[in-house]
Amino acid sequence: MSVIVTKAKNDIKNIFIDAAKKAMENGQLCSAELTDFTVEVPQNRSHGDYAINAAMVWSRLFKTAPRGIAEALISNMSLDGSYIEKCEIAGPGFINFFLSDSYYADIVADVIAKG
């Protein structure tokens, strides 16, 4: 797996862990010990390049509906310095990510560099 793919997935995880911490600090979410969540490629590509289930997984922790958690997370996230162009809430609380053109440019450059 390309180091760029790994970086993008790690960026997504870190962006949402940081967003959850900020939401807890400002009172949008109650304090809780964060548990792990999944970053995956959606089966339907119209749902983005990656999707996470953090809001679904954390609904019991925060005693809040997943969609409310997703809204709090998105309002507290920063995409600066990441490969993420945008994200959106889908269904009951999944969060879909769309990668920027710079991600694809770096993937191509990495493939060329590796021959």
N, C-alpha and C. Protein backbone atom coordinates (compact mmCIF):
# COMPACT_ATOMS: atom_id res chain seq x y z
N MET A 1 0.86 -1.19 0.00
CA MET A 1 0.00 0.00 0.00
C MET A 1 0.89 1.23 0.00
N SER A 2 0.51 2.18 -0.78
CA SER A 2 1.26 3.43 -0.88
C SER A 2 1.27 4.16 0.45
N VAL A 3 2.39 4.80 0.73
CA VAL A 3 2.50 5.60 1.94
C VAL A 3 1.48 6.75 1.91
N ILE A 4 1.11 7.19 0.72
CA ILE A 4 0.13 8.27 0.58
C ILE A 4 -1.27 7.80 0.98
N VAL A 5 -1.62 6.59 0.60
CA VAL A 5 -2.92 6.02 1.00
C VAL A 5 -2.97 5.89 2.52
N THR A 6 -1.91 5.39 3.10
CA THR A 6 -1.84 5.24 4.56
C THR A 6 -1.95 6.60 5.24
N LYS A 7 -1.25 7.61 4.69
CA LYS A 7 -1.31 8.95 5.27
C LYS A 7 -2.74 9.50 5.20
N ALA A 8 -3.41 9.32 4.07
CA ALA A 8 -4.79 9.82 3.94
C ALA A 8 -5.71 9.18 4.98
N LYS A 9 -5.60 7.86 5.15
CA LYS A 9 -6.44 7.17 6.13
C LYS A 9 -6.12 7.63 7.56
N ASN A 10 -4.83 7.79 7.85
CA ASN A 10 -4.44 8.27 9.18
C ASN A 10 -4.91 9.70 9.40
N ASP A 11 -4.82 10.54 8.36
CA ASP A 11 -5.31 11.92 8.46
C ASP A 11 -6.79 11.94 8.83
N ILE A 12 -7.57 11.10 8.17
CA ILE A 12 -9.01 11.05 8.46
C ILE A 12 -9.24 10.69 9.92
N LYS A 13 -8.57 9.66 10.39
CA LYS A 13 -8.73 9.25 11.80
C LYS A 13 -8.35 10.39 12.74
N ASN A 14 -7.20 10.98 12.49
CA ASN A 14 -6.72 12.05 13.38
C ASN A 14 -7.60 13.28 13.34
N ILE A 15 -8.11 13.64 12.16
CA ILE A 15 -9.00 14.79 12.04
C ILE A 15 -10.22 14.59 12.92
N PHE A 16 -10.78 13.38 12.94
CA PHE A 16 -11.99 13.16 13.71
C PHE A 16 -11.74 12.94 15.19
N ILE A 17 -10.61 12.40 15.54
CA ILE A 17 -10.26 12.32 16.96
C ILE A 17 -10.09 13.72 17.51
N ASP A 18 -9.38 14.58 16.76
CA ASP A 18 -9.20 15.97 17.18
C ASP A 18 -10.54 16.70 17.25
N ALA A 19 -11.40 16.48 16.27
CA ALA A 19 -12.72 17.12 16.26
C ALA A 19 -13.55 16.68 17.46
N ALA A 20 -13.48 15.40 17.81
CA ALA A 20 -14.22 14.90 18.98
C ALA A 20 -13.71 15.54 20.26
N LYS A 21 -12.39 15.66 20.37
CA LYS A 21 -11.81 16.31 21.57
C LYS A 21 -12.25 17.76 21.68
N LYS A 22 -12.27 18.48 20.55
CA LYS A 22 -12.72 19.88 20.55
C LYS A 22 -14.21 19.96 20.92
N ALA A 23 -15.01 19.05 20.38
CA ALA A 23 -16.45 19.05 20.69
C ALA A 23 -16.69 18.76 22.17
N MET A 24 -15.85 17.90 22.76
CA MET A 24 -15.98 17.64 24.21
C MET A 24 -15.55 18.86 25.00
N GLU A 25 -14.47 19.52 24.58
CA GLU A 25 -13.98 20.71 25.29
C GLU A 25 -15.00 21.83 25.28
N ASN A 26 -15.69 22.03 24.16
CA ASN A 26 -16.64 23.14 24.09
C ASN A 26 -18.06 22.76 24.48
N GLY A 27 -18.25 21.53 24.97
CA GLY A 27 -19.53 21.12 25.51
C GLY A 27 -20.54 20.61 24.50
N GLN A 28 -20.17 20.48 23.25
CA GLN A 28 -21.10 19.92 22.26
C GLN A 28 -21.31 18.43 22.49
N LEU A 29 -20.29 17.76 22.99
CA LEU A 29 -20.38 16.34 23.34
C LEU A 29 -19.89 16.18 24.78
N CYS A 30 -20.47 15.22 25.50
CA CYS A 30 -20.02 14.97 26.86
C CYS A 30 -18.64 14.31 26.83
N SER A 31 -17.93 14.38 27.92
CA SER A 31 -16.60 13.78 27.99
C SER A 31 -16.72 12.26 27.99
N ALA A 32 -15.84 11.64 27.21
CA ALA A 32 -15.85 10.18 27.11
C ALA A 32 -14.50 9.71 26.60
N GLU A 33 -14.18 8.47 26.90
CA GLU A 33 -12.97 7.82 26.39
C GLU A 33 -13.28 7.33 24.97
N LEU A 34 -12.59 7.89 23.98
CA LEU A 34 -12.86 7.53 22.59
C LEU A 34 -12.43 6.11 22.28
N THR A 35 -13.26 5.41 21.54
CA THR A 35 -12.95 4.06 21.10
C THR A 35 -12.59 4.09 19.61
N ASP A 36 -12.09 2.99 19.11
CA ASP A 36 -11.66 2.91 17.72
C ASP A 36 -12.87 2.91 16.78
N PHE A 37 -12.64 3.34 15.55
CA PHE A 37 -13.67 3.33 14.52
C PHE A 37 -13.02 2.95 13.20
N THR A 38 -13.84 2.68 12.20
CA THR A 38 -13.37 2.18 10.92
C THR A 38 -13.32 3.27 9.87
N VAL A 39 -12.22 3.27 9.11
CA VAL A 39 -12.10 4.09 7.89
C VAL A 39 -12.10 3.09 6.75
N GLU A 40 -13.09 3.20 5.87
CA GLU A 40 -13.20 2.22 4.79
C GLU A 40 -13.57 2.88 3.47
N VAL A 41 -13.37 2.15 2.40
CA VAL A 41 -13.77 2.59 1.07
C VAL A 41 -15.22 2.15 0.87
N PRO A 42 -16.13 3.10 0.60
CA PRO A 42 -17.54 2.72 0.41
C PRO A 42 -17.73 1.86 -0.84
N GLN A 43 -18.69 0.97 -0.80
CA GLN A 43 -18.99 0.14 -1.97
C GLN A 43 -19.50 1.00 -3.12
N ASN A 44 -20.28 2.00 -2.81
CA ASN A 44 -20.81 2.91 -3.83
C ASN A 44 -19.91 4.14 -3.90
N ARG A 45 -19.20 4.32 -5.00
CA ARG A 45 -18.23 5.41 -5.14
C ARG A 45 -18.87 6.79 -5.06
N SER A 46 -20.19 6.89 -5.28
CA SER A 46 -20.83 8.19 -5.15
C SER A 46 -20.89 8.63 -3.68
N HIS A 47 -20.58 7.70 -2.77
CA HIS A 47 -20.56 8.00 -1.34
C HIS A 47 -19.20 8.50 -0.87
N GLY A 48 -18.34 8.82 -1.81
CA GLY A 48 -17.03 9.37 -1.46
C GLY A 48 -15.92 8.36 -1.64
N ASP A 49 -14.72 8.82 -1.31
CA ASP A 49 -13.53 7.97 -1.43
C ASP A 49 -13.31 7.13 -0.18
N TYR A 50 -13.70 7.67 0.97
CA TYR A 50 -13.63 6.96 2.24
C TYR A 50 -14.87 7.30 3.05
N ALA A 51 -15.18 6.44 3.99
CA ALA A 51 -16.29 6.69 4.92
C ALA A 51 -15.85 6.22 6.30
N ILE A 52 -16.38 6.88 7.32
CA ILE A 52 -16.11 6.44 8.69
C ILE A 52 -17.42 6.20 9.42
N ASN A 53 -17.35 5.35 10.43
CA ASN A 53 -18.52 5.03 11.24
C ASN A 53 -18.39 5.56 12.67
N ALA A 54 -17.53 6.55 12.88
CA ALA A 54 -17.26 7.06 14.23
C ALA A 54 -18.53 7.49 14.95
N ALA A 55 -19.39 8.22 14.28
CA ALA A 55 -20.61 8.71 14.93
C ALA A 55 -21.50 7.54 15.36
N MET A 56 -21.54 6.50 14.56
CA MET A 56 -22.34 5.32 14.90
C MET A 56 -21.74 4.60 16.10
N VAL A 57 -20.43 4.41 16.07
CA VAL A 57 -19.73 3.70 17.13
C VAL A 57 -19.80 4.47 18.45
N TRP A 58 -19.70 5.79 18.36
CA TRP A 58 -19.63 6.61 19.57
C TRP A 58 -21.00 7.03 20.12
N SER A 59 -22.09 6.60 19.51
CA SER A 59 -23.41 7.05 19.97
C SER A 59 -23.69 6.64 21.42
N ARG A 60 -23.25 5.47 21.81
CA ARG A 60 -23.45 5.06 23.22
C ARG A 60 -22.53 5.83 24.16
N LEU A 61 -21.31 6.09 23.71
CA LEU A 61 -20.38 6.85 24.55
C LEU A 61 -20.94 8.23 24.90
N PHE A 62 -21.44 8.90 23.87
CA PHE A 62 -21.90 10.27 24.04
C PHE A 62 -23.39 10.37 24.36
N LYS A 63 -24.07 9.23 24.36
CA LYS A 63 -25.51 9.20 24.64
C LYS A 63 -26.25 10.21 23.76
N THR A 64 -25.90 10.17 22.48
CA THR A 64 -26.45 11.10 21.49
C THR A 64 -26.70 10.33 20.20
N ALA A 65 -27.68 10.76 19.43
CA ALA A 65 -27.95 10.13 18.14
C ALA A 65 -26.73 10.31 17.23
N PRO A 66 -26.42 9.30 16.43
CA PRO A 66 -25.24 9.38 15.56
C PRO A 66 -25.19 10.61 14.67
N ARG A 67 -26.32 11.02 14.14
CA ARG A 67 -26.32 12.20 13.26
C ARG A 67 -25.91 13.46 14.04
N GLY A 68 -26.34 13.58 15.28
CA GLY A 68 -25.94 14.72 16.11
C GLY A 68 -24.45 14.70 16.39
N ILE A 69 -23.90 13.52 16.61
CA ILE A 69 -22.45 13.39 16.81
C ILE A 69 -21.72 13.78 15.54
N ALA A 70 -22.20 13.29 14.40
CA ALA A 70 -21.57 13.62 13.12
C ALA A 70 -21.57 15.13 12.89
N GLU A 71 -22.67 15.79 13.20
CA GLU A 71 -22.75 17.24 13.04
C GLU A 71 -21.75 17.95 13.95
N ALA A 72 -21.64 17.49 15.20
CA ALA A 72 -20.67 18.09 16.13
C ALA A 72 -19.24 17.87 15.64
N LEU A 73 -18.96 16.67 15.13
CA LEU A 73 -17.62 16.38 14.63
C LEU A 73 -17.26 17.27 13.45
N ILE A 74 -18.17 17.35 12.49
CA ILE A 74 -17.89 18.16 11.30
C ILE A 74 -17.72 19.63 11.65
N SER A 75 -18.50 20.13 12.59
CA SER A 75 -18.39 21.54 12.95
C SER A 75 -17.08 21.85 13.69
N ASN A 76 -16.39 20.82 14.17
CA ASN A 76 -15.15 21.01 14.92
C ASN A 76 -13.91 20.51 14.19
N MET A 77 -14.04 20.13 12.95
CA MET A 77 -12.89 19.56 12.25
C MET A 77 -12.17 20.61 11.41
N SER A 78 -10.91 20.33 11.18
CA SER A 78 -10.09 21.17 10.31
C SER A 78 -9.46 20.26 9.26
N LEU A 79 -9.62 20.62 7.99
CA LEU A 79 -9.06 19.84 6.90
C LEU A 79 -7.71 20.38 6.44
N ASP A 80 -7.22 21.42 7.10
CA ASP A 80 -5.95 22.03 6.71
C ASP A 80 -4.82 21.02 6.71
N GLY A 81 -4.05 21.01 5.62
CA GLY A 81 -2.89 20.13 5.52
C GLY A 81 -3.22 18.68 5.24
N SER A 82 -4.47 18.38 4.92
CA SER A 82 -4.85 16.99 4.64
C SER A 82 -5.18 16.83 3.16
N TYR A 83 -5.38 15.60 2.75
CA TYR A 83 -5.80 15.31 1.39
C TYR A 83 -7.32 15.38 1.22
N ILE A 84 -8.03 15.72 2.25
CA ILE A 84 -9.49 15.72 2.21
C ILE A 84 -9.99 17.05 1.64
N GLU A 85 -10.79 16.95 0.58
CA GLU A 85 -11.38 18.14 -0.02
C GLU A 85 -12.65 18.55 0.69
N LYS A 86 -13.50 17.54 0.97
CA LYS A 86 -14.77 17.82 1.67
C LYS A 86 -15.28 16.55 2.31
N CYS A 87 -16.23 16.70 3.21
CA CYS A 87 -16.90 15.55 3.79
C CYS A 87 -18.36 15.90 4.00
N GLU A 88 -19.17 14.87 4.10
CA GLU A 88 -20.61 15.08 4.29
C GLU A 88 -21.19 13.95 5.12
N ILE A 89 -22.29 14.26 5.78
CA ILE A 89 -22.99 13.26 6.58
C ILE A 89 -23.96 12.51 5.67
N ALA A 90 -24.00 11.21 5.84
CA ALA A 90 -24.90 10.38 5.03
C ALA A 90 -25.73 9.50 5.94
N GLY A 91 -27.00 9.37 5.60
CA GLY A 91 -27.87 8.48 6.35
C GLY A 91 -27.93 8.84 7.82
N PRO A 92 -27.91 7.83 8.68
CA PRO A 92 -28.10 8.07 10.11
C PRO A 92 -26.86 8.62 10.82
N GLY A 93 -25.73 8.74 10.12
CA GLY A 93 -24.55 9.28 10.80
C GLY A 93 -23.22 8.86 10.22
N PHE A 94 -23.22 8.21 9.08
CA PHE A 94 -21.95 7.92 8.42
C PHE A 94 -21.37 9.23 7.91
N ILE A 95 -20.06 9.31 7.84
CA ILE A 95 -19.41 10.51 7.32
C ILE A 95 -18.57 10.09 6.12
N ASN A 96 -18.88 10.68 4.97
CA ASN A 96 -18.20 10.36 3.73
C ASN A 96 -17.17 11.44 3.39
N PHE A 97 -16.02 11.00 2.88
CA PHE A 97 -14.92 11.90 2.54
C PHE A 97 -14.64 11.85 1.06
N PHE A 98 -14.29 13.00 0.53
CA PHE A 98 -13.90 13.12 -0.86
C PHE A 98 -12.48 13.67 -0.89
N LEU A 99 -11.59 12.98 -1.59
CA LEU A 99 -10.18 13.35 -1.64
C LEU A 99 -9.94 14.46 -2.66
N SER A 100 -8.92 15.26 -2.40
CA SER A 100 -8.58 16.38 -3.28
C SER A 100 -7.75 15.91 -4.46
N ASP A 101 -7.64 16.75 -5.45
CA ASP A 101 -6.82 16.45 -6.63
C ASP A 101 -5.35 16.24 -6.23
N SER A 102 -4.90 16.92 -5.18
CA SER A 102 -3.50 16.76 -4.77
C SER A 102 -3.21 15.34 -4.30
N TYR A 103 -4.19 14.65 -3.76
CA TYR A 103 -4.04 13.26 -3.37
C TYR A 103 -3.70 12.41 -4.59
N TYR A 104 -4.51 12.57 -5.63
CA TYR A 104 -4.30 11.77 -6.84
C TYR A 104 -3.00 12.14 -7.54
N ALA A 105 -2.64 13.41 -7.53
CA ALA A 105 -1.38 13.83 -8.12
C ALA A 105 -0.20 13.20 -7.37
N ASP A 106 -0.29 13.16 -6.04
CA ASP A 106 0.79 12.55 -5.25
C ASP A 106 0.85 11.04 -5.44
N ILE A 107 -0.29 10.40 -5.62
CA ILE A 107 -0.31 8.95 -5.90
C ILE A 107 0.40 8.67 -7.22
N VAL A 108 0.07 9.43 -8.25
CA VAL A 108 0.71 9.23 -9.56
C VAL A 108 2.21 9.48 -9.45
N ALA A 109 2.60 10.55 -8.78
CA ALA A 109 4.03 10.85 -8.60
C ALA A 109 4.73 9.73 -7.84
N ASP A 110 4.07 9.15 -6.85
CA ASP A 110 4.64 8.05 -6.07
C ASP A 110 4.82 6.80 -6.94
N VAL A 111 3.83 6.50 -7.77
CA VAL A 111 3.91 5.34 -8.67
C VAL A 111 5.07 5.53 -9.66
N ILE A 112 5.18 6.70 -10.22
CA ILE A 112 6.25 6.99 -11.17
C ILE A 112 7.61 6.87 -10.49
N ALA A 113 7.71 7.41 -9.28
CA ALA A 113 8.96 7.37 -8.53
C ALA A 113 9.38 5.93 -8.20
N LYS A 114 8.40 5.07 -8.00
CA LYS A 114 8.70 3.67 -7.65
C LYS A 114 8.89 2.79 -8.88
N GLY A 115 8.70 3.39 -10.06
CA GLY A 115 8.93 2.67 -11.31
C GLY A 115 7.82 1.73 -11.63
